[in-house]
Amino acid sequence: MSDPTAIEEFERRARQAFENIPSPFADYLGDTVLRIDDWPAQEILDHFGLDSPLQLCGLYQGVPVGEKSPWSIPNGQGDRITLYRRPLLNEMQATGVELDKLIQHVVVHEVGHHFGLSDADMHQIEDSADD
């Protein structure tokens, strides 16, 4: 079995989670790029007021679906979802949650941002699903 912590295997699992987003949501992800980085850049941490790179497992950058226009491509780049491998691996070790479940959770969370949902919106949805 492949080592899930290896970058190639981690990326394969992330792409699989991304490709498993169901319709109709997947229909709006056609041009969204999925990236895997080991760590978030310091400027990203600073932007969100985070002290540790372990505090950020994923990031959506782009213009949410409901706000798009022909002129809404930021800095000439389209929508991007970045997963941060090392923070996710750390969370897996700290919580015992399976890596595939963590990856899927973060992918779904960042896709939610793509659709304009805030963190509070997504926590409310998750909480209501747990009831």
N, C-alpha and C. Protein backbone atom coordinates (compact mmCIF):
# COMPACT_ATOMS: atom_id res chain seq x y z
N MET A 1 0.84 -1.18 0.00
CA MET A 1 0.00 0.00 0.00
C MET A 1 0.88 1.24 0.00
N SER A 2 0.47 2.25 -0.71
CA SER A 2 1.24 3.48 -0.82
C SER A 2 1.21 4.27 0.48
N ASP A 3 2.30 4.97 0.72
CA ASP A 3 2.42 5.82 1.91
C ASP A 3 1.54 7.06 1.73
N PRO A 4 0.48 7.21 2.56
CA PRO A 4 -0.43 8.34 2.39
C PRO A 4 0.22 9.69 2.67
N THR A 5 1.37 9.68 3.35
CA THR A 5 2.03 10.94 3.67
C THR A 5 2.92 11.42 2.53
N ALA A 6 3.24 10.54 1.57
CA ALA A 6 4.06 10.93 0.42
C ALA A 6 3.27 11.92 -0.43
N ILE A 7 3.95 12.92 -0.94
CA ILE A 7 3.29 13.99 -1.68
C ILE A 7 2.46 13.46 -2.84
N GLU A 8 2.97 12.48 -3.58
CA GLU A 8 2.26 11.96 -4.74
C GLU A 8 0.96 11.27 -4.33
N GLU A 9 1.02 10.48 -3.26
CA GLU A 9 -0.16 9.77 -2.79
C GLU A 9 -1.16 10.75 -2.17
N PHE A 10 -0.67 11.72 -1.44
CA PHE A 10 -1.53 12.74 -0.85
C PHE A 10 -2.27 13.48 -1.97
N GLU A 11 -1.55 13.85 -3.01
CA GLU A 11 -2.18 14.56 -4.12
C GLU A 11 -3.22 13.69 -4.82
N ARG A 12 -2.92 12.41 -4.99
CA ARG A 12 -3.89 11.51 -5.62
C ARG A 12 -5.17 11.46 -4.79
N ARG A 13 -5.04 11.37 -3.49
CA ARG A 13 -6.21 11.31 -2.62
C ARG A 13 -7.00 12.63 -2.66
N ALA A 14 -6.28 13.73 -2.70
CA ALA A 14 -6.94 15.04 -2.77
C ALA A 14 -7.71 15.18 -4.08
N ARG A 15 -7.10 14.78 -5.18
CA ARG A 15 -7.78 14.88 -6.48
C ARG A 15 -9.01 13.98 -6.51
N GLN A 16 -8.91 12.82 -5.90
CA GLN A 16 -10.06 11.91 -5.85
C GLN A 16 -11.19 12.55 -5.05
N ALA A 17 -10.89 13.18 -3.93
CA ALA A 17 -11.92 13.85 -3.13
C ALA A 17 -12.55 14.99 -3.93
N PHE A 18 -11.73 15.73 -4.66
CA PHE A 18 -12.22 16.83 -5.48
C PHE A 18 -13.13 16.32 -6.60
N GLU A 19 -12.71 15.23 -7.23
CA GLU A 19 -13.50 14.65 -8.33
C GLU A 19 -14.79 14.01 -7.85
N ASN A 20 -14.88 13.70 -6.56
CA ASN A 20 -16.08 13.08 -6.00
C ASN A 20 -17.12 14.08 -5.54
N ILE A 21 -16.88 15.37 -5.75
CA ILE A 21 -17.90 16.37 -5.43
C ILE A 21 -19.08 16.09 -6.36
N PRO A 22 -20.27 15.93 -5.81
CA PRO A 22 -21.42 15.55 -6.65
C PRO A 22 -21.98 16.71 -7.46
N SER A 23 -22.71 16.35 -8.51
CA SER A 23 -23.49 17.33 -9.26
C SER A 23 -24.62 17.76 -8.36
N PRO A 24 -25.11 18.93 -8.47
CA PRO A 24 -24.78 19.98 -9.43
C PRO A 24 -23.58 20.82 -9.03
N PHE A 25 -23.01 20.60 -7.84
CA PHE A 25 -21.89 21.41 -7.37
C PHE A 25 -20.68 21.28 -8.28
N ALA A 26 -20.37 20.05 -8.68
CA ALA A 26 -19.21 19.81 -9.54
C ALA A 26 -19.31 20.55 -10.86
N ASP A 27 -20.54 20.80 -11.31
CA ASP A 27 -20.74 21.50 -12.58
C ASP A 27 -20.16 22.91 -12.55
N TYR A 28 -19.98 23.48 -11.37
CA TYR A 28 -19.46 24.84 -11.23
C TYR A 28 -17.98 24.89 -10.87
N LEU A 29 -17.32 23.75 -10.91
CA LEU A 29 -15.92 23.68 -10.52
C LEU A 29 -14.97 23.46 -11.69
N GLY A 30 -15.50 23.50 -12.90
CA GLY A 30 -14.73 23.14 -14.09
C GLY A 30 -13.37 23.79 -14.21
N ASP A 31 -13.26 25.08 -13.93
CA ASP A 31 -11.99 25.78 -14.09
C ASP A 31 -11.24 25.96 -12.78
N THR A 32 -11.75 25.40 -11.70
CA THR A 32 -11.11 25.54 -10.40
C THR A 32 -9.88 24.63 -10.34
N VAL A 33 -8.77 25.20 -9.93
CA VAL A 33 -7.51 24.48 -9.85
C VAL A 33 -7.33 23.97 -8.43
N LEU A 34 -6.92 22.72 -8.30
CA LEU A 34 -6.60 22.14 -7.00
C LEU A 34 -5.08 22.07 -6.88
N ARG A 35 -4.56 22.68 -5.81
CA ARG A 35 -3.12 22.68 -5.55
C ARG A 35 -2.84 22.00 -4.22
N ILE A 36 -1.66 21.44 -4.12
CA ILE A 36 -1.18 20.88 -2.86
C ILE A 36 0.14 21.57 -2.55
N ASP A 37 0.20 22.20 -1.38
CA ASP A 37 1.44 22.79 -0.88
C ASP A 37 1.72 22.17 0.48
N ASP A 38 2.98 22.13 0.85
CA ASP A 38 3.30 21.61 2.18
C ASP A 38 2.81 22.55 3.28
N TRP A 39 3.03 23.84 3.12
CA TRP A 39 2.69 24.83 4.15
C TRP A 39 2.07 26.06 3.52
N PRO A 40 1.22 26.76 4.26
CA PRO A 40 0.75 28.07 3.78
C PRO A 40 1.88 29.10 3.87
N ALA A 41 1.89 30.03 2.94
CA ALA A 41 2.89 31.10 2.95
C ALA A 41 2.64 32.03 4.14
N GLN A 42 3.71 32.65 4.61
CA GLN A 42 3.61 33.56 5.75
C GLN A 42 2.62 34.70 5.48
N GLU A 43 2.60 35.20 4.27
CA GLU A 43 1.67 36.30 3.95
C GLU A 43 0.21 35.87 4.10
N ILE A 44 -0.08 34.61 3.83
CA ILE A 44 -1.44 34.09 4.00
C ILE A 44 -1.77 33.99 5.49
N LEU A 45 -0.82 33.48 6.26
CA LEU A 45 -1.03 33.40 7.71
C LEU A 45 -1.25 34.79 8.29
N ASP A 46 -0.43 35.75 7.84
CA ASP A 46 -0.57 37.13 8.32
C ASP A 46 -1.93 37.70 7.95
N HIS A 47 -2.39 37.42 6.74
CA HIS A 47 -3.69 37.93 6.28
C HIS A 47 -4.82 37.47 7.19
N PHE A 48 -4.76 36.24 7.64
CA PHE A 48 -5.82 35.68 8.48
C PHE A 48 -5.52 35.82 9.98
N GLY A 49 -4.39 36.43 10.32
CA GLY A 49 -4.04 36.61 11.72
C GLY A 49 -3.71 35.32 12.43
N LEU A 50 -3.13 34.37 11.72
CA LEU A 50 -2.79 33.07 12.29
C LEU A 50 -1.33 33.07 12.75
N ASP A 51 -1.09 32.46 13.90
CA ASP A 51 0.25 32.41 14.47
C ASP A 51 1.07 31.22 13.98
N SER A 52 0.39 30.15 13.64
CA SER A 52 1.08 28.91 13.28
C SER A 52 0.58 28.39 11.94
N PRO A 53 1.48 27.87 11.12
CA PRO A 53 1.03 27.28 9.85
C PRO A 53 0.17 26.04 10.05
N LEU A 54 0.20 25.47 11.25
CA LEU A 54 -0.63 24.30 11.53
C LEU A 54 -2.11 24.66 11.67
N GLN A 55 -2.42 25.96 11.75
CA GLN A 55 -3.80 26.40 11.92
C GLN A 55 -4.57 26.46 10.61
N LEU A 56 -3.92 26.25 9.48
CA LEU A 56 -4.60 26.37 8.18
C LEU A 56 -4.36 25.11 7.36
N CYS A 57 -5.45 24.38 7.08
CA CYS A 57 -5.35 23.14 6.30
C CYS A 57 -5.73 23.32 4.85
N GLY A 58 -6.47 24.37 4.53
CA GLY A 58 -6.91 24.60 3.16
C GLY A 58 -7.29 26.05 2.94
N LEU A 59 -7.33 26.45 1.67
CA LEU A 59 -7.65 27.83 1.33
C LEU A 59 -8.30 27.89 -0.04
N TYR A 60 -9.42 28.63 -0.11
CA TYR A 60 -10.04 28.94 -1.39
C TYR A 60 -9.62 30.37 -1.75
N GLN A 61 -9.16 30.56 -2.97
CA GLN A 61 -8.83 31.88 -3.49
C GLN A 61 -9.54 32.04 -4.82
N GLY A 62 -10.31 33.10 -4.93
CA GLY A 62 -11.04 33.34 -6.16
C GLY A 62 -12.26 34.18 -5.90
N VAL A 63 -13.17 34.12 -6.83
CA VAL A 63 -14.42 34.88 -6.73
C VAL A 63 -15.55 33.87 -6.61
N PRO A 64 -16.31 33.93 -5.52
CA PRO A 64 -17.41 32.98 -5.35
C PRO A 64 -18.39 33.01 -6.52
N VAL A 65 -19.03 31.89 -6.77
CA VAL A 65 -19.91 31.71 -7.92
C VAL A 65 -20.92 32.84 -8.06
N GLY A 66 -21.59 33.22 -7.00
CA GLY A 66 -22.63 34.25 -7.08
C GLY A 66 -22.12 35.65 -7.33
N GLU A 67 -20.80 35.85 -7.25
CA GLU A 67 -20.21 37.17 -7.45
C GLU A 67 -19.46 37.28 -8.77
N LYS A 68 -19.43 36.23 -9.56
CA LYS A 68 -18.65 36.22 -10.79
C LYS A 68 -19.23 37.14 -11.85
N SER A 69 -18.33 37.73 -12.62
CA SER A 69 -18.68 38.50 -13.80
C SER A 69 -17.52 38.31 -14.78
N PRO A 70 -17.66 38.77 -16.00
CA PRO A 70 -16.55 38.62 -16.95
C PRO A 70 -15.28 39.35 -16.50
N TRP A 71 -15.40 40.26 -15.55
CA TRP A 71 -14.25 41.06 -15.11
C TRP A 71 -13.75 40.65 -13.74
N SER A 72 -14.17 39.51 -13.25
CA SER A 72 -13.90 39.16 -11.86
C SER A 72 -12.74 38.19 -11.65
N ILE A 73 -11.84 38.06 -12.59
CA ILE A 73 -10.71 37.16 -12.42
C ILE A 73 -9.59 37.92 -11.69
N PRO A 74 -9.36 37.58 -10.40
CA PRO A 74 -8.37 38.31 -9.61
C PRO A 74 -6.95 38.04 -10.08
N ASN A 75 -6.20 39.11 -10.31
CA ASN A 75 -4.78 39.01 -10.68
C ASN A 75 -4.53 38.09 -11.87
N GLY A 76 -5.50 37.98 -12.75
CA GLY A 76 -5.33 37.14 -13.93
C GLY A 76 -5.38 35.65 -13.63
N GLN A 77 -5.71 35.29 -12.40
CA GLN A 77 -5.78 33.88 -12.03
C GLN A 77 -7.22 33.51 -11.74
N GLY A 78 -7.56 32.29 -12.02
CA GLY A 78 -8.91 31.81 -11.74
C GLY A 78 -9.03 31.31 -10.31
N ASP A 79 -10.08 30.55 -10.07
CA ASP A 79 -10.33 30.01 -8.74
C ASP A 79 -9.33 28.91 -8.41
N ARG A 80 -8.88 28.92 -7.15
CA ARG A 80 -7.91 27.92 -6.68
C ARG A 80 -8.31 27.43 -5.31
N ILE A 81 -8.17 26.14 -5.12
CA ILE A 81 -8.29 25.53 -3.81
C ILE A 81 -6.93 24.91 -3.52
N THR A 82 -6.36 25.31 -2.39
CA THR A 82 -5.06 24.77 -1.98
C THR A 82 -5.24 23.99 -0.69
N LEU A 83 -4.72 22.78 -0.69
CA LEU A 83 -4.67 21.97 0.53
C LEU A 83 -3.24 22.01 1.03
N TYR A 84 -3.09 22.16 2.35
CA TYR A 84 -1.77 22.21 2.96
C TYR A 84 -1.48 20.88 3.63
N ARG A 85 -0.56 20.15 3.02
CA ARG A 85 -0.29 18.76 3.37
C ARG A 85 0.21 18.59 4.80
N ARG A 86 1.19 19.36 5.20
CA ARG A 86 1.77 19.16 6.53
C ARG A 86 0.78 19.45 7.66
N PRO A 87 0.00 20.54 7.61
CA PRO A 87 -1.01 20.74 8.65
C PRO A 87 -2.06 19.61 8.68
N LEU A 88 -2.44 19.09 7.52
CA LEU A 88 -3.40 17.99 7.49
C LEU A 88 -2.80 16.72 8.08
N LEU A 89 -1.55 16.45 7.77
CA LEU A 89 -0.89 15.27 8.35
C LEU A 89 -0.76 15.43 9.87
N ASN A 90 -0.47 16.64 10.31
CA ASN A 90 -0.39 16.90 11.74
C ASN A 90 -1.75 16.67 12.41
N GLU A 91 -2.81 17.14 11.77
CA GLU A 91 -4.15 16.94 12.33
C GLU A 91 -4.50 15.46 12.39
N MET A 92 -4.11 14.72 11.36
CA MET A 92 -4.35 13.28 11.36
C MET A 92 -3.67 12.62 12.57
N GLN A 93 -2.43 12.99 12.80
CA GLN A 93 -1.70 12.40 13.93
C GLN A 93 -2.30 12.84 15.26
N ALA A 94 -2.71 14.08 15.35
CA ALA A 94 -3.22 14.62 16.63
C ALA A 94 -4.61 14.10 16.97
N THR A 95 -5.44 13.85 15.94
CA THR A 95 -6.84 13.48 16.20
C THR A 95 -7.14 12.01 15.96
N GLY A 96 -6.32 11.34 15.17
CA GLY A 96 -6.59 9.96 14.82
C GLY A 96 -7.63 9.80 13.71
N VAL A 97 -8.10 10.92 13.16
CA VAL A 97 -9.06 10.87 12.05
C VAL A 97 -8.31 10.43 10.79
N GLU A 98 -8.93 9.57 10.01
CA GLU A 98 -8.31 9.07 8.78
C GLU A 98 -8.00 10.23 7.83
N LEU A 99 -6.86 10.12 7.16
CA LEU A 99 -6.43 11.18 6.25
C LEU A 99 -7.46 11.43 5.15
N ASP A 100 -8.03 10.39 4.58
CA ASP A 100 -9.02 10.59 3.51
C ASP A 100 -10.21 11.40 4.00
N LYS A 101 -10.64 11.17 5.24
CA LYS A 101 -11.77 11.92 5.80
C LYS A 101 -11.39 13.39 6.02
N LEU A 102 -10.18 13.63 6.49
CA LEU A 102 -9.72 15.01 6.67
C LEU A 102 -9.64 15.73 5.33
N ILE A 103 -9.05 15.07 4.35
CA ILE A 103 -8.93 15.68 3.03
C ILE A 103 -10.31 15.99 2.48
N GLN A 104 -11.22 15.04 2.56
CA GLN A 104 -12.57 15.25 2.04
C GLN A 104 -13.24 16.42 2.77
N HIS A 105 -13.10 16.48 4.07
CA HIS A 105 -13.69 17.57 4.85
C HIS A 105 -13.17 18.92 4.39
N VAL A 106 -11.86 19.03 4.21
CA VAL A 106 -11.27 20.31 3.81
C VAL A 106 -11.65 20.65 2.37
N VAL A 107 -11.67 19.68 1.48
CA VAL A 107 -12.09 19.94 0.09
C VAL A 107 -13.52 20.46 0.08
N VAL A 108 -14.42 19.80 0.79
CA VAL A 108 -15.82 20.23 0.83
C VAL A 108 -15.92 21.63 1.43
N HIS A 109 -15.16 21.90 2.47
CA HIS A 109 -15.16 23.20 3.11
C HIS A 109 -14.73 24.30 2.13
N GLU A 110 -13.65 24.05 1.39
CA GLU A 110 -13.16 25.06 0.44
C GLU A 110 -14.10 25.20 -0.76
N VAL A 111 -14.73 24.12 -1.18
CA VAL A 111 -15.75 24.22 -2.24
C VAL A 111 -16.91 25.07 -1.73
N GLY A 112 -17.24 24.95 -0.46
CA GLY A 112 -18.27 25.79 0.14
C GLY A 112 -17.93 27.26 -0.01
N HIS A 113 -16.67 27.62 0.21
CA HIS A 113 -16.24 29.01 0.01
C HIS A 113 -16.40 29.43 -1.45
N HIS A 114 -16.15 28.50 -2.36
CA HIS A 114 -16.32 28.76 -3.79
C HIS A 114 -17.77 29.15 -4.09
N PHE A 115 -18.70 28.60 -3.31
CA PHE A 115 -20.12 28.92 -3.49
C PHE A 115 -20.56 30.08 -2.60
N GLY A 116 -19.60 30.74 -1.96
CA GLY A 116 -19.91 31.94 -1.20
C GLY A 116 -20.30 31.70 0.25
N LEU A 117 -20.16 30.48 0.74
CA LEU A 117 -20.49 30.20 2.14
C LEU A 117 -19.35 30.65 3.05
N SER A 118 -19.70 31.22 4.18
CA SER A 118 -18.69 31.61 5.17
C SER A 118 -18.38 30.42 6.06
N ASP A 119 -17.34 30.56 6.89
CA ASP A 119 -17.04 29.52 7.86
C ASP A 119 -18.22 29.30 8.80
N ALA A 120 -18.85 30.40 9.23
CA ALA A 120 -20.02 30.29 10.13
C ALA A 120 -21.16 29.54 9.45
N ASP A 121 -21.40 29.82 8.16
CA ASP A 121 -22.44 29.11 7.41
C ASP A 121 -22.16 27.61 7.41
N MET A 122 -20.92 27.25 7.13
CA MET A 122 -20.58 25.83 7.02
C MET A 122 -20.63 25.13 8.38
N HIS A 123 -20.23 25.83 9.45
CA HIS A 123 -20.33 25.22 10.78
C HIS A 123 -21.80 25.00 11.15
N GLN A 124 -22.65 25.93 10.78
CA GLN A 124 -24.08 25.78 11.06
C GLN A 124 -24.65 24.58 10.29
N ILE A 125 -24.26 24.42 9.03
CA ILE A 125 -24.72 23.28 8.23
C ILE A 125 -24.22 21.97 8.85
N GLU A 126 -22.94 21.93 9.22
CA GLU A 126 -22.38 20.73 9.84
C GLU A 126 -23.08 20.40 11.15
N ASP A 127 -23.32 21.43 11.97
CA ASP A 127 -23.99 21.21 13.24
C ASP A 127 -25.40 20.68 13.06
N SER A 128 -26.12 21.22 12.07
CA SER A 128 -27.49 20.76 11.83
C SER A 128 -27.50 19.35 11.27
N ALA A 129 -26.47 18.97 10.54
CA ALA A 129 -26.39 17.61 10.00
C ALA A 129 -26.10 16.60 11.10
N ASP A 130 -25.42 17.05 12.16
CA ASP A 130 -25.08 16.17 13.28
C ASP A 130 -26.28 15.91 14.19
N ASP A 131 -27.31 16.75 14.12
CA ASP A 131 -28.49 16.61 15.01
C ASP A 131 -29.32 15.41 14.66
